Amino acid sequence: MTSTFPNISISTERLVLRPLDEDDVQALAEMMNDEQVAAWTDVPQPFTVAGAREWITNYAPAERTSGRGLDLAVTEFLTQRLVGIVQLTKTDWHVRSTELSYIIAPWARGEGYASEAALATAQWLFGDQKLERIELRTAADNTASQQVAQKIGCISEGVLRGACIAHVHADDGTWIDVRTDFIVWSLLPEDLEGTAEQLADVDGFTSLADWN
């Protein structure tokens, strides 16, 4: 029988991670049309409101119920504003592993939200879900994403040469594909020791408070 992730809410001092819902449609569409999102992901551009609604109502629930993954909205605790998403994909319940990725809205960058959300998710995965390995893949030139991986304690395992398709603007303003490398990172339960304390000193947050 296929295992699945539960419908949960994860709280930190500043953030709440919860399932995406239809109230997130407009904010999700706006976030996905950002230049950095277009450059480093395969999200269709332009990303439409209809695409956001399809993601929230069909794609995300199907990923969870099939056991493949989980999509969580990252929201500010005080304002409930959508600041980003955390995605779990390619989950293997036999190996007890999953791949984690994150996107933060342009207005919310530089606040340590990606690290806080990723760390809280990792703590929940290792603690409550009993996973044994989390994998991250970052494009070779995506230094911001690499910094998040390093902050939460990930270990760089190597490079997948030419395995990533990034995107750049052509002269006519359209997006074109460019091939680059993937840096592969891993996180094991023992890698989290001391990570929360180090992040609290740097970013001023308390990590995982509770999950429901």
Protein backbone atom coordinates (compact mmCIF):
# COMPACT_ATOMS: atom_id res chain seq x y z
CA MET A 1 0.00 0.00 0.00
CA THR A 2 1.29 3.46 -0.90
CA SER A 3 2.08 5.76 1.99
CA THR A 4 0.99 9.38 1.83
CA PHE A 5 1.75 12.59 3.65
CA PRO A 6 -1.00 13.86 5.97
CA ASN A 7 -2.76 17.20 5.63
CA ILE A 8 -0.80 19.13 8.22
CA SER A 9 0.12 22.58 9.42
CA ILE A 10 3.68 23.31 10.61
CA SER A 11 4.29 26.41 12.72
CA THR A 12 7.48 28.33 13.43
CA GLU A 13 7.84 31.63 15.25
CA ARG A 14 7.28 33.64 12.06
CA LEU A 15 5.66 31.22 9.62
CA VAL A 16 2.83 28.75 9.12
CA LEU A 17 3.23 26.02 6.51
CA ARG A 18 -0.13 24.62 5.45
CA PRO A 19 -1.85 23.03 2.43
CA LEU A 20 -2.48 25.37 -0.48
CA ASP A 21 -6.09 26.50 -0.79
CA GLU A 22 -8.11 28.48 -3.32
CA ASP A 23 -7.58 31.73 -1.43
CA ASP A 24 -3.93 31.45 -2.53
CA VAL A 25 -4.68 31.49 -6.27
CA GLN A 26 -3.94 35.14 -7.01
CA ALA A 27 -0.85 35.38 -4.79
CA LEU A 28 0.54 32.12 -6.20
CA ALA A 29 0.08 33.34 -9.78
CA GLU A 30 1.85 36.63 -9.01
CA MET A 31 4.75 34.85 -7.28
CA MET A 32 5.27 32.41 -10.14
CA ASN A 33 5.57 35.24 -12.69
CA ASP A 34 8.70 36.57 -10.99
CA GLU A 35 11.89 36.76 -13.07
CA GLN A 36 13.91 34.56 -10.70
CA VAL A 37 11.20 31.89 -10.63
CA ALA A 38 11.10 31.91 -14.42
CA ALA A 39 14.90 31.65 -14.62
CA TRP A 40 15.40 28.72 -12.27
CA THR A 41 12.24 26.60 -12.54
CA ASP A 42 10.15 25.00 -15.27
CA VAL A 43 7.00 26.85 -14.24
CA PRO A 44 5.17 27.89 -17.46
CA GLN A 45 5.56 31.56 -18.37
CA PRO A 46 3.49 33.61 -18.19
CA PHE A 47 1.92 31.77 -15.26
CA THR A 48 -1.82 32.34 -15.29
CA VAL A 49 -4.47 32.48 -12.59
CA ALA A 50 -6.02 29.42 -14.23
CA GLY A 51 -2.67 27.64 -13.91
CA ALA A 52 -2.50 28.53 -10.22
CA ARG A 53 -6.02 27.22 -9.66
CA GLU A 54 -5.20 23.99 -11.48
CA TRP A 55 -2.10 23.53 -9.31
CA ILE A 56 -4.03 24.09 -6.08
CA THR A 57 -7.20 22.13 -6.87
CA ASN A 58 -5.83 19.22 -8.92
CA TYR A 59 -2.03 18.86 -9.06
CA ALA A 60 -1.23 19.32 -5.37
CA PRO A 61 -3.99 17.00 -4.07
CA ALA A 62 -3.01 14.34 -6.62
CA GLU A 63 0.64 14.49 -5.55
CA ARG A 64 -0.33 13.97 -1.91
CA THR A 65 -2.90 11.21 -2.39
CA SER A 66 -0.62 9.30 -4.76
CA GLY A 67 2.18 9.37 -2.19
CA ARG A 68 4.55 11.18 -4.56
CA GLY A 69 4.85 14.43 -2.65
CA LEU A 70 3.40 17.38 -0.81
CA ASP A 71 2.89 21.07 -1.62
CA LEU A 72 2.80 23.49 1.30
CA ALA A 73 1.97 27.18 1.31
CA VAL A 74 4.44 29.21 3.37
CA THR A 75 2.61 32.08 5.06
CA GLU A 76 3.50 34.79 7.53
CA PHE A 77 2.18 33.97 10.98
CA LEU A 78 1.01 37.52 11.73
CA THR A 79 -0.39 38.60 8.35
CA GLN A 80 -1.24 35.18 6.82
CA ARG A 81 0.26 36.53 3.58
CA LEU A 82 1.67 33.94 1.17
CA VAL A 83 5.46 34.28 1.16
CA GLY A 84 6.34 31.11 -0.74
CA ILE A 85 5.91 27.40 -1.17
CA VAL A 86 7.75 24.26 -0.12
CA GLN A 87 7.47 21.22 -2.36
CA LEU A 88 8.26 17.58 -1.69
CA THR A 89 8.53 15.41 -4.80
CA LYS A 90 9.83 12.00 -5.93
CA THR A 91 9.10 10.54 -2.51
CA ASP A 92 10.24 6.93 -2.05
CA TRP A 93 8.51 5.39 0.96
CA HIS A 94 10.66 2.26 0.85
CA VAL A 95 13.94 4.18 0.90
CA ARG A 96 12.28 6.80 3.16
CA SER A 97 13.51 9.70 1.04
CA THR A 98 12.10 12.74 -0.72
CA GLU A 99 13.29 15.72 -2.77
CA LEU A 100 12.68 19.19 -1.30
CA SER A 101 12.47 22.52 -3.12
CA TYR A 102 11.36 26.02 -2.20
CA ILE A 103 10.26 29.25 -3.83
CA ILE A 104 9.97 32.59 -2.03
CA ALA A 105 8.04 35.60 -3.34
CA PRO A 106 10.31 38.47 -4.45
CA TRP A 107 9.02 40.88 -1.78
CA ALA A 108 9.81 38.36 0.99
CA ARG A 109 13.39 37.48 0.02
CA GLY A 110 16.30 38.30 2.28
CA GLU A 111 14.35 37.58 5.47
CA GLY A 112 15.53 33.99 6.00
CA TYR A 113 12.07 32.61 5.19
CA ALA A 114 13.34 29.89 2.83
CA SER A 115 15.78 28.54 5.42
CA GLU A 116 13.17 28.70 8.17
CA ALA A 117 10.53 26.90 6.11
CA ALA A 118 12.95 24.28 4.78
CA LEU A 119 14.36 23.53 8.22
CA ALA A 120 10.91 23.21 9.79
CA THR A 121 9.86 20.85 6.99
CA ALA A 122 13.01 18.75 7.44
CA GLN A 123 12.47 18.50 11.19
CA TRP A 124 8.90 17.33 10.61
CA LEU A 125 9.95 14.83 7.95
CA PHE A 126 12.65 13.27 10.11
CA GLY A 127 10.67 13.42 13.34
CA ASP A 128 7.04 12.72 12.51
CA GLN A 129 7.32 10.99 9.14
CA LYS A 130 10.46 8.99 9.99
CA LEU A 131 12.16 9.78 6.68
CA GLU A 132 15.89 9.10 6.47
CA ARG A 133 17.06 11.28 3.57
CA ILE A 134 16.11 14.60 1.99
CA GLU A 135 17.63 15.58 -1.34
CA LEU A 136 17.90 19.07 -2.83
CA ARG A 137 19.06 20.02 -6.32
CA THR A 138 20.19 23.56 -7.11
CA ALA A 139 21.23 25.01 -10.45
CA ALA A 140 24.97 25.69 -10.58
CA ASP A 141 24.50 29.48 -10.74
CA ASN A 142 21.60 29.72 -8.30
CA THR A 143 23.67 30.90 -5.35
CA ALA A 144 20.66 31.98 -3.27
CA SER A 145 19.22 28.47 -3.31
CA GLN A 146 22.62 27.00 -2.53
CA GLN A 147 22.95 29.28 0.50
CA VAL A 148 19.64 27.97 1.85
CA ALA A 149 20.86 24.38 1.48
CA GLN A 150 24.06 25.20 3.33
CA LYS A 151 22.22 27.06 6.11
CA ILE A 152 20.01 24.11 7.00
CA GLY A 153 22.95 21.72 7.16
CA CYS A 154 22.87 20.02 3.75
CA ILE A 155 25.98 18.28 2.46
CA SER A 156 27.00 18.76 -1.18
CA GLU A 157 27.32 15.33 -2.78
CA GLY A 158 28.42 16.25 -6.28
CA VAL A 159 27.43 17.66 -9.64
CA LEU A 160 25.09 16.29 -12.27
CA ARG A 161 26.66 17.71 -15.40
CA GLY A 162 24.26 19.27 -17.89
CA ALA A 163 21.25 17.93 -16.02
CA CYS A 164 19.45 21.24 -15.42
CA ILE A 165 17.55 23.47 -17.82
CA ALA A 166 17.58 27.11 -16.74
CA HIS A 167 16.10 30.03 -18.69
CA VAL A 168 17.34 33.40 -19.93
CA HIS A 169 15.73 36.24 -21.85
CA ALA A 170 16.30 36.31 -25.60
CA ASP A 171 16.73 39.61 -27.42
CA ASP A 172 13.01 39.68 -28.24
CA GLY A 173 12.08 39.27 -24.58
CA THR A 174 11.03 35.64 -24.77
CA TRP A 175 12.52 32.98 -22.54
CA ILE A 176 14.97 30.47 -23.98
CA ASP A 177 16.40 27.30 -22.43
CA VAL A 178 20.04 27.05 -21.40
CA ARG A 179 21.66 23.88 -20.14
CA THR A 180 23.60 23.96 -16.90
CA ASP A 181 24.65 21.68 -14.04
CA PHE A 182 22.74 20.55 -10.98
CA ILE A 183 24.45 20.53 -7.60
CA VAL A 184 23.06 17.67 -5.51
CA TRP A 185 22.69 18.15 -1.76
CA SER A 186 21.54 15.72 0.91
CA LEU A 187 20.26 16.09 4.42
CA LEU A 188 20.21 13.22 6.93
CA PRO A 189 18.75 13.32 10.45
CA GLU A 190 22.18 13.67 12.05
CA ASP A 191 22.97 16.70 9.86
CA LEU A 192 20.35 18.76 11.74
CA GLU A 193 22.22 18.68 15.04
CA GLY A 194 22.92 22.27 16.02
CA THR A 195 21.47 23.69 12.80
CA ALA A 196 18.43 25.31 14.44
CA GLU A 197 20.61 27.09 16.99
CA GLN A 198 22.98 28.40 14.32
CA LEU A 199 20.09 29.71 12.22
CA ALA A 200 18.49 31.36 15.22
CA ASP A 201 21.70 33.31 15.80
CA VAL A 202 21.89 34.39 12.16
CA ASP A 203 18.23 34.97 11.20
CA GLY A 204 16.60 35.65 14.55
CA PHE A 205 13.97 32.95 14.53
CA THR A 206 12.94 30.02 16.65
CA SER A 207 12.55 26.92 14.50
CA LEU A 208 9.79 24.33 14.68
CA ALA A 209 7.26 25.09 17.38
CA ASP A 210 4.56 22.52 16.65
CA TRP A 211 2.77 20.61 13.95
CA ASN A 212 -0.87 19.61 13.81
